[in-house]
Protein backbone atom coordinates (compact mmCIF):
# COMPACT_ATOMS: atom_id res chain seq x y z
CA MET A 1 111.94 27.03 -28.01
CA PRO A 2 113.54 24.51 -25.68
CA LEU A 3 115.86 21.73 -26.75
CA ILE A 4 114.10 18.46 -27.63
CA ASP A 5 114.55 15.86 -24.90
CA PRO A 6 115.18 12.18 -25.59
CA GLY A 7 111.89 10.30 -25.85
CA LYS A 8 110.14 13.20 -27.59
CA LYS A 9 109.17 13.35 -31.25
CA ALA A 10 111.70 15.20 -33.43
CA PRO A 11 110.19 18.21 -35.22
CA ALA A 12 109.53 17.76 -38.93
CA PHE A 13 111.53 19.78 -41.44
CA ALA A 14 112.03 20.22 -45.17
CA LEU A 15 115.26 21.95 -46.23
CA LYS A 16 117.49 22.04 -49.30
CA ASP A 17 121.02 20.69 -49.30
CA GLN A 18 124.18 21.83 -51.10
CA HIS A 19 122.85 20.33 -54.37
CA GLY A 20 119.41 21.95 -54.15
CA ASN A 21 117.73 18.66 -53.17
CA THR A 22 115.00 18.86 -50.52
CA HIS A 23 115.37 16.62 -47.47
CA ARG A 24 112.52 15.93 -45.07
CA LEU A 25 112.90 14.11 -41.79
CA SER A 26 110.08 11.83 -42.97
CA ASP A 27 112.27 10.77 -45.93
CA TYR A 28 114.36 8.80 -43.45
CA GLU A 29 111.58 7.00 -41.59
CA GLY A 30 112.84 3.55 -40.60
CA ARG A 31 116.46 4.71 -40.37
CA PRO A 32 118.41 6.39 -37.58
CA VAL A 33 119.22 10.05 -38.33
CA ILE A 34 122.26 11.84 -36.98
CA LEU A 35 121.30 15.51 -37.19
CA TYR A 36 124.13 17.79 -36.18
CA PHE A 37 123.76 21.54 -35.97
CA TYR A 38 126.91 23.56 -36.52
CA PRO A 39 127.29 27.35 -36.27
CA LYS A 40 128.65 28.31 -39.69
CA ASP A 41 130.16 26.90 -42.88
CA ASP A 42 133.94 26.79 -43.27
CA THR A 43 134.94 27.87 -39.78
CA PRO A 44 137.67 25.85 -38.02
CA GLY A 45 135.49 23.92 -35.54
CA CYS A 46 132.69 23.33 -38.02
CA THR A 47 135.14 22.13 -40.65
CA LYS A 48 136.81 19.72 -38.22
CA GLU A 49 133.46 18.32 -37.05
CA SER A 50 132.12 17.92 -40.60
CA ARG A 51 135.31 16.25 -41.83
CA GLU A 52 135.19 13.84 -38.88
CA PHE A 53 131.60 12.91 -39.75
CA GLU A 54 132.68 12.39 -43.38
CA ALA A 55 135.59 10.16 -42.33
CA SER A 56 133.27 8.16 -40.07
CA LEU A 57 130.49 7.51 -42.60
CA PRO A 58 131.54 3.83 -42.92
CA LYS A 59 130.91 3.39 -39.17
CA PHE A 60 127.25 4.23 -39.74
CA THR A 61 126.73 1.89 -42.72
CA SER A 62 125.72 -1.24 -40.78
CA SER A 63 123.01 0.65 -38.88
CA LYS A 64 121.82 2.39 -42.08
CA ALA A 65 122.11 5.69 -40.19
CA VAL A 66 122.11 8.87 -42.24
CA VAL A 67 124.20 11.92 -41.34
CA LEU A 68 122.70 15.38 -41.92
CA GLY A 69 124.56 18.58 -41.10
CA MET A 70 122.56 21.76 -40.63
CA SER A 71 123.44 25.41 -40.19
CA ILE A 72 122.53 28.89 -41.29
CA LEU A 73 123.58 30.32 -44.66
CA ASP A 74 122.24 29.25 -48.05
CA GLU A 75 122.72 26.28 -50.39
CA LYS A 76 125.48 28.10 -52.29
CA SER A 77 127.52 28.43 -49.09
CA LYS A 78 126.90 24.76 -48.30
CA ALA A 79 128.03 23.73 -51.81
CA LYS A 80 131.26 25.73 -51.52
CA PHE A 81 131.94 24.26 -48.06
CA ALA A 82 131.19 20.67 -49.19
CA ASP A 83 133.31 20.98 -52.34
CA LYS A 84 136.25 22.53 -50.52
CA HIS A 85 136.36 19.77 -47.89
CA GLY A 86 135.09 16.73 -49.83
CA LEU A 87 131.88 16.39 -47.83
CA THR A 88 129.50 13.92 -49.47
CA PHE A 89 126.57 13.81 -47.04
CA PRO A 90 123.74 16.39 -47.09
CA LEU A 91 124.43 19.80 -45.57
CA LEU A 92 121.07 21.46 -45.01
CA ALA A 93 120.57 25.19 -45.41
CA ASP A 94 118.50 26.65 -42.57
CA ALA A 95 119.08 30.24 -43.70
CA ASP A 96 116.20 31.69 -41.67
CA HIS A 97 117.07 29.46 -38.65
CA GLU A 98 113.46 28.22 -38.47
CA VAL A 99 114.45 24.58 -37.94
CA ALA A 100 117.23 25.52 -35.50
CA GLU A 101 114.58 27.32 -33.45
CA LYS A 102 112.27 24.25 -33.49
CA TYR A 103 115.15 22.14 -32.16
CA GLY A 104 116.09 24.72 -29.51
CA VAL A 105 119.62 25.31 -30.82
CA TRP A 106 119.09 28.95 -31.90
CA GLN A 107 120.27 30.63 -28.71
CA GLN A 108 121.90 33.76 -27.39
CA LYS A 109 125.67 33.49 -27.51
CA SER A 110 128.44 35.84 -26.50
CA PHE A 111 131.92 36.46 -27.83
CA ILE A 112 134.32 39.06 -26.47
CA GLY A 113 131.50 40.69 -24.54
CA ARG A 114 129.20 40.93 -27.56
CA LYS A 115 125.86 39.13 -27.41
CA PHE A 116 124.21 37.73 -30.53
CA MET A 117 121.90 34.93 -31.65
CA GLY A 118 123.39 31.86 -33.28
CA ILE A 119 123.41 28.08 -33.45
CA VAL A 120 124.81 26.29 -30.42
CA ARG A 121 126.70 23.18 -31.58
CA THR A 122 124.28 20.32 -30.83
CA THR A 123 123.76 16.82 -32.19
CA TYR A 124 120.57 14.78 -32.13
CA LEU A 125 120.29 11.06 -32.73
CA ILE A 126 116.77 10.45 -34.01
CA GLY A 127 115.49 6.89 -34.02
CA PRO A 128 113.86 5.11 -36.96
CA ASP A 129 110.44 6.05 -35.53
CA GLY A 130 111.26 9.79 -35.43
CA THR A 131 111.82 9.93 -31.68
CA VAL A 132 114.92 11.58 -30.22
CA LEU A 133 117.15 8.86 -28.76
CA GLU A 134 120.05 11.06 -27.63
CA ARG A 135 121.09 14.70 -27.58
CA TRP A 136 124.60 16.07 -27.20
CA ASP A 137 124.67 19.70 -26.00
CA ASN A 138 127.43 22.31 -26.37
CA VAL A 139 129.46 19.81 -28.35
CA LYS A 140 133.22 19.85 -28.16
CA VAL A 141 134.47 18.57 -31.50
CA GLY A 142 137.30 16.29 -30.35
CA GLY A 143 135.96 12.75 -29.82
CA HIS A 144 132.36 13.73 -30.49
CA VAL A 145 131.87 11.75 -33.70
CA ASP A 146 133.26 8.61 -32.03
CA ALA A 147 130.77 9.07 -29.17
CA VAL A 148 127.93 9.38 -31.70
CA ALA A 149 129.12 6.27 -33.57
CA THR A 150 129.23 4.28 -30.32
CA ARG A 151 125.70 5.39 -29.43
CA VAL A 152 124.37 4.60 -32.93
CA ALA A 153 125.89 1.12 -32.72
CA SER A 154 124.26 0.52 -29.32
CA ALA A 155 120.88 1.82 -30.52
CA GLY A 156 120.41 -1.37 -32.50
CA ASP A 157 120.91 -3.58 -29.44
């Protein structure tokens, strides 16, 4: 499936987090949602990105924005990752990559000449009404969270 363009409705989902709690997009109606897809738990880039989101949580408080991380692997992997790095926000387990497919981030990748399917690092800012406000593609970790925070702050203007 293609990536979801700004202005379009974000696909619904219901996934468990690192504590076994189910999160639905509809649970956050009326609040901005920062939904970032990362390739895999406890890899260098994913760890850096997740820790930067954790450190920036206070920047999202005034807008009441919620941060949700999502990747493949199960809740147990998410719990280990969150505990190891002190991550307090929900990390959603999309083990069968069903939600990643709905959002268009489950794509063919290549590494050292080998092709495989995986999550392409992508962040969506979903507005309080469930519409995609912004999408960041092929995210480079450095400076990304600051760019998201700036956009969240401007979304309320």
